[in-house]
Protein backbone atom coordinates (compact mmCIF):
# COMPACT_ATOMS: atom_id res chain seq x y z
CA MET A 1 0.00 0.00 0.00
CA SER A 2 1.23 3.49 -0.81
CA ALA A 3 1.90 5.86 2.05
CA PRO A 4 -0.88 8.39 2.76
CA GLU A 5 -0.44 11.95 1.64
CA PRO A 6 0.00 14.57 4.39
CA LEU A 7 -3.13 16.49 5.33
CA VAL A 8 -0.95 19.47 6.31
CA ARG A 9 2.27 20.31 4.52
CA MET A 10 4.26 23.39 5.53
CA THR A 11 7.41 23.90 3.48
CA GLY A 12 10.31 26.28 4.07
CA ILE A 13 8.39 28.36 6.61
CA THR A 14 10.33 31.46 7.59
CA VAL A 15 9.06 34.16 9.95
CA GLU A 16 11.18 37.17 10.81
CA PHE A 17 10.72 39.76 13.51
CA PRO A 18 12.83 42.90 13.92
CA GLY A 19 16.29 41.68 14.84
CA ALA A 20 15.33 38.01 15.06
CA ARG A 21 14.27 35.07 12.91
CA ALA A 22 11.60 33.11 14.78
CA LEU A 23 11.38 30.35 12.15
CA ASP A 24 14.13 29.53 9.70
CA ASP A 25 13.17 27.36 6.70
CA VAL A 26 11.04 24.94 8.73
CA ASP A 27 9.20 21.99 7.16
CA PHE A 28 6.24 20.46 9.00
CA ARG A 29 3.56 17.95 8.08
CA MET A 30 0.59 16.16 9.62
CA PHE A 31 -1.25 13.05 8.47
CA PRO A 32 -4.97 12.26 8.77
CA GLY A 33 -5.92 10.13 11.76
CA GLU A 34 -2.68 10.86 13.63
CA VAL A 35 -1.80 12.65 16.86
CA HIS A 36 1.29 14.76 16.23
CA SER A 37 3.25 16.47 19.03
CA LEU A 38 5.31 19.61 18.50
CA MET A 39 8.26 19.67 20.90
CA GLY A 40 10.87 22.24 21.86
CA GLU A 41 12.02 24.48 24.69
CA ASN A 42 11.26 28.19 25.13
CA GLY A 43 12.18 30.13 22.01
CA ALA A 44 12.20 27.03 19.82
CA GLY A 45 9.54 28.47 17.50
CA LYS A 46 6.55 26.28 18.45
CA SER A 47 4.15 29.17 19.07
CA THR A 48 5.18 30.93 15.87
CA LEU A 49 4.65 27.78 13.80
CA ILE A 50 1.18 27.29 15.32
CA LYS A 51 0.32 30.92 14.64
CA ALA A 52 1.39 30.49 11.03
CA LEU A 53 -0.81 27.40 10.66
CA THR A 54 -3.81 29.13 12.23
CA GLY A 55 -3.49 32.34 10.24
CA VAL A 56 -2.52 34.49 13.23
CA GLN A 57 1.05 35.11 12.02
CA PRO A 58 1.84 35.90 8.36
CA ILE A 59 4.81 34.02 6.95
CA ASP A 60 7.68 35.78 5.18
CA HIS A 61 8.72 32.79 3.07
CA GLY A 62 7.43 29.29 2.43
CA SER A 63 4.14 27.65 1.56
CA ILE A 64 1.24 25.89 3.27
CA GLU A 65 -0.98 23.16 1.81
CA ILE A 66 -4.14 21.75 3.39
CA ASP A 67 -5.36 18.47 1.92
CA GLY A 68 -3.17 18.98 -1.14
CA ALA A 69 -4.43 22.49 -1.93
CA PRO A 70 -2.21 25.59 -1.51
CA VAL A 71 -3.58 28.10 1.00
CA HIS A 72 -2.68 31.65 1.92
CA PHE A 73 -4.01 32.71 5.30
CA THR A 74 -4.63 36.40 5.94
CA GLY A 75 -6.24 35.72 9.31
CA PRO A 76 -7.69 33.01 11.60
CA ALA A 77 -10.99 33.01 9.67
CA ASP A 78 -9.15 31.82 6.56
CA ALA A 79 -7.60 28.95 8.51
CA GLN A 80 -10.96 27.95 9.97
CA ARG A 81 -12.54 27.92 6.51
CA ALA A 82 -9.69 25.67 5.37
CA GLY A 83 -10.52 23.22 8.18
CA VAL A 84 -8.08 24.23 10.94
CA SER A 85 -9.62 24.57 14.44
CA THR A 86 -7.78 25.41 17.65
CA VAL A 87 -8.44 24.89 21.36
CA TYR A 88 -6.14 27.15 23.35
CA GLN A 89 -4.66 26.53 26.79
CA GLU A 90 -6.90 29.18 28.33
CA VAL A 91 -10.38 27.90 27.47
CA ASN A 92 -12.08 30.72 25.59
CA LEU A 93 -15.67 30.02 26.64
CA LEU A 94 -18.46 31.83 28.48
CA PRO A 95 -19.15 30.06 31.80
CA ASN A 96 -22.38 32.01 32.42
CA LEU A 97 -23.96 30.54 29.28
CA SER A 98 -25.25 27.02 28.62
CA VAL A 99 -23.25 24.24 27.02
CA THR A 100 -25.32 24.62 23.85
CA GLU A 101 -24.73 28.37 23.69
CA ASN A 102 -20.99 27.85 24.03
CA VAL A 103 -20.76 25.05 21.47
CA MET A 104 -22.93 26.77 18.86
CA LEU A 105 -21.85 30.37 19.47
CA GLY A 106 -21.64 32.09 16.09
CA ARG A 107 -22.90 28.97 14.31
CA GLU A 108 -26.48 28.83 15.60
CA PRO A 109 -29.08 27.33 13.22
CA ARG A 110 -31.58 29.94 12.03
CA ARG A 111 -35.27 29.90 11.36
CA ARG A 112 -36.88 31.38 8.30
CA TRP A 113 -36.94 34.93 9.66
CA GLY A 114 -33.41 34.84 11.03
CA THR A 115 -34.16 34.00 14.65
CA ILE A 116 -32.12 31.28 16.39
CA ASP A 117 -33.65 27.81 16.34
CA TRP A 118 -32.68 26.81 19.89
CA PRO A 119 -34.31 23.33 19.83
CA ALA A 120 -32.27 22.54 16.72
CA ALA A 121 -29.13 23.96 18.37
CA ARG A 122 -29.65 21.74 21.42
CA ARG A 123 -30.22 18.69 19.21
CA ARG A 124 -27.06 19.42 17.25
CA THR A 125 -25.09 19.86 20.47
CA ALA A 126 -26.50 16.64 21.94
CA GLU A 127 -25.57 14.73 18.77
CA LEU A 128 -22.06 16.13 18.87
CA LEU A 129 -21.57 15.29 22.54
CA GLN A 130 -22.90 11.78 21.89
CA THR A 131 -20.33 11.21 19.17
CA MET A 132 -17.71 12.12 21.81
CA ASN A 133 -19.37 9.70 24.30
CA LEU A 134 -20.05 12.60 26.67
CA ASP A 135 -23.13 12.43 28.89
CA ILE A 136 -23.70 16.17 29.32
CA ASP A 137 -26.99 18.05 29.42
CA PRO A 138 -26.79 20.59 26.56
CA SER A 139 -29.02 22.98 28.54
CA SER A 140 -26.83 22.97 31.65
CA ARG A 141 -24.78 26.02 32.58
CA LEU A 142 -21.12 25.61 31.64
CA SER A 143 -19.91 26.92 35.02
CA ASP A 144 -21.60 23.97 36.74
CA HIS A 145 -19.10 21.58 35.14
CA SER A 146 -15.53 20.66 36.04
CA PRO A 147 -12.53 22.12 34.20
CA ALA A 148 -12.17 18.82 32.36
CA VAL A 149 -15.74 18.95 31.04
CA GLN A 150 -15.26 22.58 30.06
CA GLN A 151 -12.13 21.54 28.15
CA LEU A 152 -14.17 18.89 26.33
CA VAL A 153 -16.89 21.44 25.55
CA ALA A 154 -14.19 23.63 24.02
CA ILE A 155 -13.19 20.69 21.83
CA ALA A 156 -16.85 20.14 20.90
CA ARG A 157 -17.05 23.77 19.84
CA ALA A 158 -13.89 23.34 17.75
CA ILE A 159 -15.18 20.25 15.93
CA VAL A 160 -18.75 21.46 15.33
CA VAL A 161 -17.48 22.69 11.94
CA ARG A 162 -16.03 19.23 11.18
CA PRO A 163 -12.38 20.32 11.01
CA LYS A 164 -9.66 18.48 9.16
CA VAL A 165 -7.03 19.66 11.66
CA LEU A 166 -7.51 20.14 15.42
CA ILE A 167 -4.82 21.96 17.42
CA LEU A 168 -4.82 21.34 21.17
CA ASP A 169 -2.54 23.78 23.00
CA GLU A 170 -1.62 22.46 26.47
CA PRO A 171 -5.08 20.86 26.93
CA THR A 172 -4.07 18.94 30.09
CA SER A 173 -2.33 21.74 31.98
CA SER A 174 -5.08 22.04 34.62
CA LEU A 175 -6.46 18.48 34.59
CA ASP A 176 -5.95 15.65 37.05
CA ASN A 177 -5.10 12.09 35.98
CA ASP A 178 -8.70 10.90 35.63
CA GLU A 179 -9.62 13.96 33.60
CA VAL A 180 -6.60 13.45 31.34
CA THR A 181 -7.78 9.87 30.73
CA GLU A 182 -11.20 11.15 29.70
CA LEU A 183 -9.67 13.71 27.35
CA PHE A 184 -7.43 11.10 25.76
CA ARG A 185 -10.48 8.90 25.15
CA VAL A 186 -12.10 11.74 23.21
CA ILE A 187 -8.87 12.38 21.27
CA ALA A 188 -8.73 8.70 20.32
CA GLY A 189 -12.27 8.92 18.92
CA LEU A 190 -11.44 12.00 16.87
CA LYS A 191 -8.32 10.27 15.58
CA GLU A 192 -10.38 7.31 14.39
CA SER A 193 -12.64 9.68 12.46
CA GLY A 194 -9.63 10.87 10.45
CA VAL A 195 -8.94 14.21 12.14
CA ALA A 196 -5.28 15.24 12.28
CA ILE A 197 -4.56 16.36 15.85
CA LEU A 198 -1.67 18.59 16.85
CA PHE A 199 -1.01 18.00 20.56
CA ILE A 200 1.18 20.53 22.36
CA SER A 201 2.28 19.59 25.86
CA HIS A 202 5.34 19.78 28.11
CA PHE A 203 4.40 16.50 29.82
CA LEU A 204 6.64 13.82 28.33
CA GLU A 205 4.58 10.97 29.76
CA GLN A 206 1.46 12.26 28.03
CA VAL A 207 3.25 12.95 24.76
CA TYR A 208 4.48 9.36 24.62
CA GLU A 209 1.09 8.00 25.61
CA ILE A 210 -1.02 9.80 23.01
CA SER A 211 1.26 10.79 20.11
CA ASP A 212 2.03 8.86 16.93
CA ARG A 213 4.61 11.30 15.59
CA LEU A 214 6.88 14.05 16.93
CA THR A 215 8.42 17.12 15.38
CA VAL A 216 11.24 18.81 17.32
CA LEU A 217 12.20 22.46 16.88
CA ARG A 218 15.21 24.20 18.38
CA ASP A 219 16.14 27.88 18.01
CA GLY A 220 13.62 28.36 15.21
CA ARG A 221 14.97 25.48 13.13
CA LEU A 222 13.73 21.99 12.41
CA VAL A 223 15.65 19.29 14.27
CA GLY A 224 13.63 16.43 12.83
CA GLU A 225 10.40 14.45 12.56
CA TYR A 226 10.20 11.09 14.34
CA LEU A 227 7.80 8.25 15.03
CA THR A 228 7.14 8.37 18.76
CA ASP A 229 7.71 4.67 19.38
CA GLU A 230 11.10 4.86 17.63
CA LEU A 231 12.52 7.75 19.69
CA LEU A 232 13.77 7.16 23.23
CA ARG A 233 12.76 9.78 25.75
CA ILE A 234 16.31 10.66 26.63
CA ASP A 235 17.05 11.14 22.92
CA LEU A 236 14.06 13.47 22.67
CA VAL A 237 15.43 15.52 25.57
CA HIS A 238 18.83 15.71 23.87
CA LYS A 239 17.28 16.89 20.61
CA MET A 240 15.20 19.55 22.37
CA ILE A 241 18.12 20.90 24.37
CA GLY A 242 20.76 20.41 21.67
CA LYS A 243 23.01 17.90 23.38
CA ASP A 244 23.97 14.34 22.51
CA LEU A 245 25.51 11.78 24.84
CA SER A 246 28.57 11.49 22.60
CA VAL A 247 29.36 15.17 22.96
CA LEU A 248 28.10 15.92 26.46
CA VAL A 249 30.73 17.68 28.50
CA ASP A 250 31.21 16.25 31.96
CA ILE A 251 31.04 19.48 33.88
CA GLN A 252 32.42 19.28 37.38
CA ALA A 253 31.13 21.88 39.78
CA ARG A 254 33.64 23.66 41.96
CA THR A 255 35.07 21.57 44.82
CA SER A 256 32.89 22.05 47.86
CA GLU A 257 34.10 23.84 50.95
CA SER A 258 34.75 21.37 53.75
CA ASP A 259 33.03 23.56 56.33
CA LEU A 260 29.90 23.63 54.20
CA GLU A 261 29.84 19.85 54.00
CA ASP A 262 30.22 19.65 57.78
CA ASN A 263 27.47 22.21 58.31
CA LEU A 264 25.08 20.28 56.06
CA LEU A 265 25.69 17.19 58.11
CA VAL A 266 25.05 18.76 61.52
CA ASP A 267 23.12 22.02 61.10
CA PRO A 268 19.36 22.06 60.56
CA PRO A 269 18.12 23.45 57.25
CA LEU A 270 17.24 27.12 56.95
CA LEU A 271 14.08 26.17 55.04
CA THR A 272 12.28 22.85 54.82
CA ALA A 273 9.27 22.16 52.62
CA ILE A 274 7.33 19.04 53.64
CA GLY A 275 4.67 17.63 51.30
CA LEU A 276 4.37 21.03 49.64
CA GLY A 277 2.01 20.99 46.67
CA ARG A 278 -0.70 22.83 44.79
CA ASP A 279 -3.54 21.34 42.76
CA GLY A 280 -2.90 21.92 39.08
CA GLY A 281 0.54 23.28 39.91
CA ILE A 282 2.92 20.73 41.40
CA THR A 283 2.63 17.36 43.11
CA PRO A 284 3.48 17.39 46.86
CA LEU A 285 7.23 17.25 47.43
CA ASP A 286 9.91 17.66 50.07
CA LEU A 287 12.82 20.09 49.76
CA SER A 288 15.42 21.50 52.13
CA VAL A 289 17.90 24.36 51.80
CA HIS A 290 20.76 25.11 54.18
CA GLU A 291 22.58 28.35 54.82
CA GLY A 292 25.37 28.78 52.29
CA GLU A 293 23.90 26.11 49.99
CA ILE A 294 22.87 26.53 46.37
CA VAL A 295 20.10 24.11 45.45
CA GLY A 296 19.64 23.92 41.70
CA VAL A 297 16.26 23.05 40.20
CA ALA A 298 16.42 21.23 36.85
CA GLY A 299 13.69 20.09 34.51
CA LEU A 300 12.19 20.77 31.12
CA LEU A 301 9.80 23.60 30.46
CA GLY A 302 6.50 22.78 32.18
CA SER A 303 8.13 20.48 34.75
CA GLY A 304 6.99 22.67 37.66
CA ARG A 305 10.11 24.77 38.23
CA THR A 306 8.33 28.13 38.50
CA GLU A 307 5.37 26.61 40.36
CA LEU A 308 7.78 25.41 43.06
CA ALA A 309 9.46 28.81 43.29
CA ARG A 310 6.13 30.61 43.67
CA LEU A 311 5.07 28.32 46.51
CA LEU A 312 8.36 28.81 48.37
CA ALA A 313 8.08 32.59 47.97
CA GLY A 314 4.48 32.88 49.14
CA ILE A 315 3.14 34.07 45.80
CA ASP A 316 0.87 31.03 45.45
CA ARG A 317 -0.73 29.28 48.41
CA PRO A 318 -0.17 25.53 48.75
CA ASP A 319 -3.07 23.11 48.99
CA THR A 320 -0.97 20.58 50.89
CA GLY A 321 2.12 20.53 53.09
CA GLU A 322 3.99 23.12 55.09
CA ILE A 323 7.10 25.28 55.09
CA ARG A 324 9.42 25.49 58.08
CA VAL A 325 12.00 28.21 58.61
CA ASP A 326 14.59 27.47 61.28
CA GLY A 327 12.43 24.51 62.28
CA ARG A 328 9.28 26.58 62.89
CA VAL A 329 6.18 26.28 60.69
CA ARG A 330 5.57 29.44 58.69
CA ARG A 331 2.44 30.14 56.66
CA PHE A 332 3.24 32.31 53.66
CA ARG A 333 -0.10 33.81 52.68
CA THR A 334 1.51 36.58 50.63
CA PRO A 335 5.00 37.42 49.33
CA ARG A 336 5.24 39.91 52.20
CA SER A 337 4.94 36.99 54.63
CA ALA A 338 7.97 35.37 53.01
CA LEU A 339 9.88 38.65 52.97
CA ARG A 340 9.41 38.94 56.71
CA GLN A 341 11.44 35.73 56.96
CA ARG A 342 13.98 37.29 54.56
CA ILE A 343 13.00 35.04 51.65
CA ALA A 344 13.19 36.93 48.35
CA TYR A 345 12.08 35.83 44.91
CA ALA A 346 13.31 37.08 41.52
CA SER A 347 10.80 36.09 38.82
CA GLU A 348 11.82 34.65 35.44
CA ASP A 349 9.63 37.36 33.85
CA ARG A 350 11.74 40.31 34.91
CA ARG A 351 9.97 42.75 32.59
CA THR A 352 6.45 42.31 33.98
CA GLU A 353 7.12 40.89 37.46
CA GLY A 354 10.48 42.46 38.27
CA ILE A 355 11.93 45.73 37.09
CA ILE A 356 9.84 48.87 36.64
CA GLY A 357 11.13 50.30 33.41
CA ASP A 358 9.94 53.87 33.91
CA LEU A 359 11.79 54.20 37.21
CA THR A 360 15.50 54.89 37.63
CA ILE A 361 18.17 52.43 38.71
CA ARG A 362 18.19 54.06 42.14
CA ASP A 363 14.39 53.79 42.53
CA ASN A 364 14.33 50.15 41.44
CA ILE A 365 17.10 49.16 43.85
CA ALA A 366 15.46 50.92 46.81
CA LEU A 367 11.95 49.62 46.04
CA ALA A 368 11.90 46.41 48.12
CA LEU A 369 13.68 48.01 51.08
CA GLN A 370 11.19 50.89 51.05
CA ALA A 371 8.26 48.48 50.93
CA ASP A 372 9.76 46.53 53.82
CA LEU A 373 10.10 49.67 55.94
CA GLY A 374 6.67 50.97 54.98
CA TRP A 375 5.84 53.98 52.90
CA ALA A 376 5.41 56.17 55.97
CA ARG A 377 9.13 55.77 56.72
CA ARG A 378 10.69 57.19 53.57
CA ILE A 379 14.29 56.29 52.87
CA PRO A 380 16.25 59.57 52.69
CA ARG A 381 17.53 60.44 49.23
CA LYS A 382 21.11 60.45 50.54
CA ARG A 383 20.68 56.86 51.75
CA GLN A 384 19.10 55.88 48.41
CA ASN A 385 22.07 57.34 46.55
CA GLU A 386 24.53 55.50 48.79
CA LEU A 387 22.61 52.26 48.31
CA ALA A 388 22.49 52.64 44.53
CA ALA A 389 26.16 53.61 44.26
CA SER A 390 27.19 50.63 46.38
CA TYR A 391 25.33 48.05 44.27
CA ILE A 392 26.17 49.72 40.96
CA GLN A 393 29.82 49.28 41.83
CA ALA A 394 29.50 45.83 43.42
CA LEU A 395 27.47 44.36 40.54
CA ASN A 396 29.15 46.37 37.77
CA ILE A 397 25.84 47.79 36.56
CA ARG A 398 26.15 49.74 33.32
CA PRO A 399 25.60 52.59 32.86
CA ASN A 400 26.76 53.57 36.34
CA ASP A 401 24.32 56.49 36.47
CA PRO A 402 21.72 55.93 39.23
CA ASN A 403 19.34 58.28 37.38
CA ALA A 404 19.28 56.15 34.21
CA LEU A 405 15.87 54.63 33.39
CA VAL A 406 15.92 50.86 33.76
CA ARG A 407 13.97 50.33 30.54
CA ASN A 408 17.00 51.58 28.61
CA LEU A 409 19.38 49.04 30.15
CA SER A 410 20.44 45.77 28.57
CA GLY A 411 18.82 42.55 29.79
CA GLY A 412 21.88 41.62 31.82
CA ASN A 413 22.02 44.97 33.58
CA GLN A 414 18.29 44.87 34.25
CA GLN A 415 18.81 41.51 35.92
CA LYS A 416 21.62 42.96 38.03
CA VAL A 417 19.34 45.80 39.16
CA LEU A 418 16.72 43.25 40.15
CA LEU A 419 19.29 41.28 42.14
CA ALA A 420 20.46 44.47 43.83
CA ARG A 421 16.89 45.23 44.89
CA TRP A 422 16.60 41.94 46.77
CA LEU A 423 20.13 42.01 48.16
CA ALA A 424 19.34 45.40 49.68
CA ILE A 425 16.92 43.79 52.13
CA ALA A 426 19.66 41.36 53.31
CA PRO A 427 17.82 38.11 52.46
CA ARG A 428 18.64 34.78 54.04
CA LEU A 429 17.23 32.80 51.10
CA LEU A 430 17.22 34.05 47.52
CA ILE A 431 15.03 32.23 44.98
CA LEU A 432 16.25 32.93 41.44
CA ASP A 433 14.04 31.82 38.55
CA GLU A 434 16.01 31.88 35.27
CA PRO A 435 18.27 34.75 36.41
CA THR A 436 20.50 34.56 33.31
CA ARG A 437 17.91 33.97 30.59
CA GLY A 438 18.28 36.20 27.57
CA ILE A 439 21.50 37.92 28.61
CA ASP A 440 24.94 37.84 27.05
CA VAL A 441 27.72 35.49 28.06
CA GLY A 442 29.72 38.11 29.95
CA ALA A 443 26.77 39.24 32.09
CA LYS A 444 25.80 35.62 32.67
CA ALA A 445 29.25 34.81 34.02
CA GLU A 446 29.14 37.85 36.32
CA ILE A 447 25.78 36.82 37.77
CA GLN A 448 26.89 33.24 38.27
CA LYS A 449 29.99 34.43 40.12
CA LEU A 450 27.88 36.78 42.23
CA VAL A 451 25.54 33.97 43.26
CA SER A 452 28.50 31.76 44.10
CA ASP A 453 30.12 34.49 46.21
CA LEU A 454 26.87 35.17 48.05
CA ALA A 455 26.53 31.50 48.97
CA GLU A 456 30.10 31.43 50.24
CA ASN A 457 29.10 34.24 52.58
CA GLY A 458 26.18 32.25 54.00
CA LEU A 459 23.25 33.10 51.69
CA ALA A 460 20.98 30.18 50.82
CA VAL A 461 19.99 30.08 47.14
CA VAL A 462 17.43 28.19 45.09
CA PHE A 463 18.68 28.46 41.51
CA ILE A 464 16.34 27.58 38.63
CA SER A 465 17.62 27.35 35.08
CA ALA A 466 16.77 25.54 31.86
CA GLU A 467 20.51 25.38 31.10
CA LEU A 468 21.72 22.19 32.75
CA GLU A 469 25.39 23.15 32.49
CA GLU A 470 24.64 26.29 34.45
CA VAL A 471 22.78 24.37 37.15
CA LEU A 472 25.70 21.98 37.54
CA ARG A 473 28.29 24.74 37.46
CA ILE A 474 27.17 26.48 40.64
CA SER A 475 24.87 24.11 42.57
CA HIS A 476 25.76 21.98 45.54
CA ARG A 477 22.68 19.85 45.00
CA VAL A 478 20.08 19.49 42.23
CA ALA A 479 16.36 18.84 42.67
CA VAL A 480 15.08 17.19 39.48
CA LEU A 481 11.50 17.86 38.34
CA ARG A 482 9.49 16.18 35.63
CA ASP A 483 5.80 16.57 34.79
CA ARG A 484 5.31 18.75 37.90
CA ARG A 485 6.67 16.24 40.35
CA LYS A 486 10.04 15.86 42.04
CA VAL A 487 11.78 12.76 40.70
CA GLY A 488 15.25 13.14 42.17
CA ASP A 489 17.49 14.94 44.63
CA LEU A 490 21.06 14.61 43.37
CA THR A 491 24.22 15.60 45.16
CA ASN A 492 26.64 17.35 42.82
CA ASN A 493 29.55 14.99 43.38
CA ASP A 494 30.71 13.82 39.92
CA LEU A 495 27.27 14.68 38.54
CA THR A 496 27.31 15.11 34.76
CA VAL A 497 24.93 16.61 32.24
CA GLY A 498 24.36 13.11 30.90
CA ARG A 499 23.25 11.79 34.27
CA LEU A 500 21.08 14.83 34.85
CA LEU A 501 19.42 14.43 31.45
CA ALA A 502 18.82 10.77 32.20
CA ALA A 503 17.19 11.67 35.52
CA ILE A 504 14.93 14.16 33.75
CA ALA A 505 14.01 11.73 30.99
CA ASP A 506 13.60 8.62 33.13
CA GLY A 507 12.38 10.12 36.36
CA GLY A 508 15.44 8.99 38.28
CA GLU A 509 14.39 5.36 37.98
CA ASP A 510 16.85 4.19 35.37
CA GLY A 511 18.95 7.17 34.42
CA ALA A 512 20.21 8.62 37.67
CA GLY A 513 22.48 5.67 38.28
CA GLY A 514 25.52 6.71 40.22
CA ALA A 515 24.40 10.31 40.45
CA GLY A 516 23.40 9.67 44.03
CA ILE A 517 19.76 10.41 44.76
CA ALA A 518 19.89 11.41 48.37
CA GLU A 519 19.22 14.20 50.78
CA PRO A 520 22.33 16.19 51.70
CA ARG A 521 22.30 15.01 55.30
CA ASP A 522 23.23 11.55 54.11
CA GLN A 523 25.66 12.37 51.33
CA GLY A 524 27.08 15.81 51.93
CA ALA A 525 27.20 18.17 48.98
CA GLY A 526 29.64 18.67 46.17
CA ARG A 527 30.06 21.82 44.19
């Protein structure tokens, strides 16, 4: 039998933005009756490729064919008319309306005089739900249903037009295991009907369970297309990150200080998280951090790295577990609660959750200290100038003008200003989420050295980074996350990128090997 023709064929897709090429000559195809997963880390080009396929993003070069016919999308409506439907991560429905009203919105059957034929709309909705084996009352209010049912209603709305291609963007991000099973049952039914399904998810277990084919992008370029059952998980991780076992560099972290090892063996942790978890965020886990220790957090995008940081910093409230500081239970209901214990958090999104671009370097540095003192106790301008001058010199912030607006600084210098803000309050624990993302090599090295020096002076650090070499370079210990659960706690004695990748891919069951999954009290800590 001859091989089937692709239902979607994208050839030589190139998309350029000012100063950057988001997609560079990318080929992509989907077959009828298949589930296809698009894989890649942040900045790989996944979102841009999806936008090109759905008509949201015009392409600069290349061509798109749907069912063998060339298409040129000028907007999402063109893509929908060509048979491409999308269900986004944030369900775009109206919870105050009925299931029927949501499914048929904009496609309601009309009577002779143009009025909506609601009985016909309910019958059409009921038929559609029945084909998906969903026992849902079409007249019920959408808000009365669980998030999983609402997700399925969103899919029903997407397939009411009988699409050829269905794009599911992170459809399981807020679902529990039983709800994921129900969703996968519906996907299997759609697959049998010949629909080509593009499944986007950061959960490797789910990708391997549901997908027939994978396409991997990295840095806007095509790495390759693979049959899922022919690609090992660890090989997928290598292709996403850009490393191969044959060329992995065995990075040894700096030799640990003997007094730190002794302290980890006898001193209680500064912070201990016990069974800490949040529904839809991260599975309950244990974590400890000692004074002077850098605990790295490693995992792929979507593994729960930021969710963990937000729980530790009091930004999100846990549903289970507790946090102890110096052995005493502390309830962090707000970030201010954590700050009172001198726990500071620097977000990975420094532009929207960190720096304030319209304020000066001096104002940004003094901001957290002023908030800690209270706005009634204004920090004198002389003290603000001294504070800014001290950190500008210590962190080598450029330009060295405290009156310069932060929005005009480079990414690396903005990150230094953000670090200076938190250091000004003399934290005991500093949680850094992707502190070197998007900055040049020189600034990255300066920040890494700064973090290392701070730890040597007793500061506890939780260091989160997608760059595994960076995590290994400065961490005493590495907590490994996968699919929003902790799967390993590895001491950094002879720990290599290969072993760390294996722990991420295999959940620490087969790949961690001699990496040493253990709490630091038993094994000490290498650096």
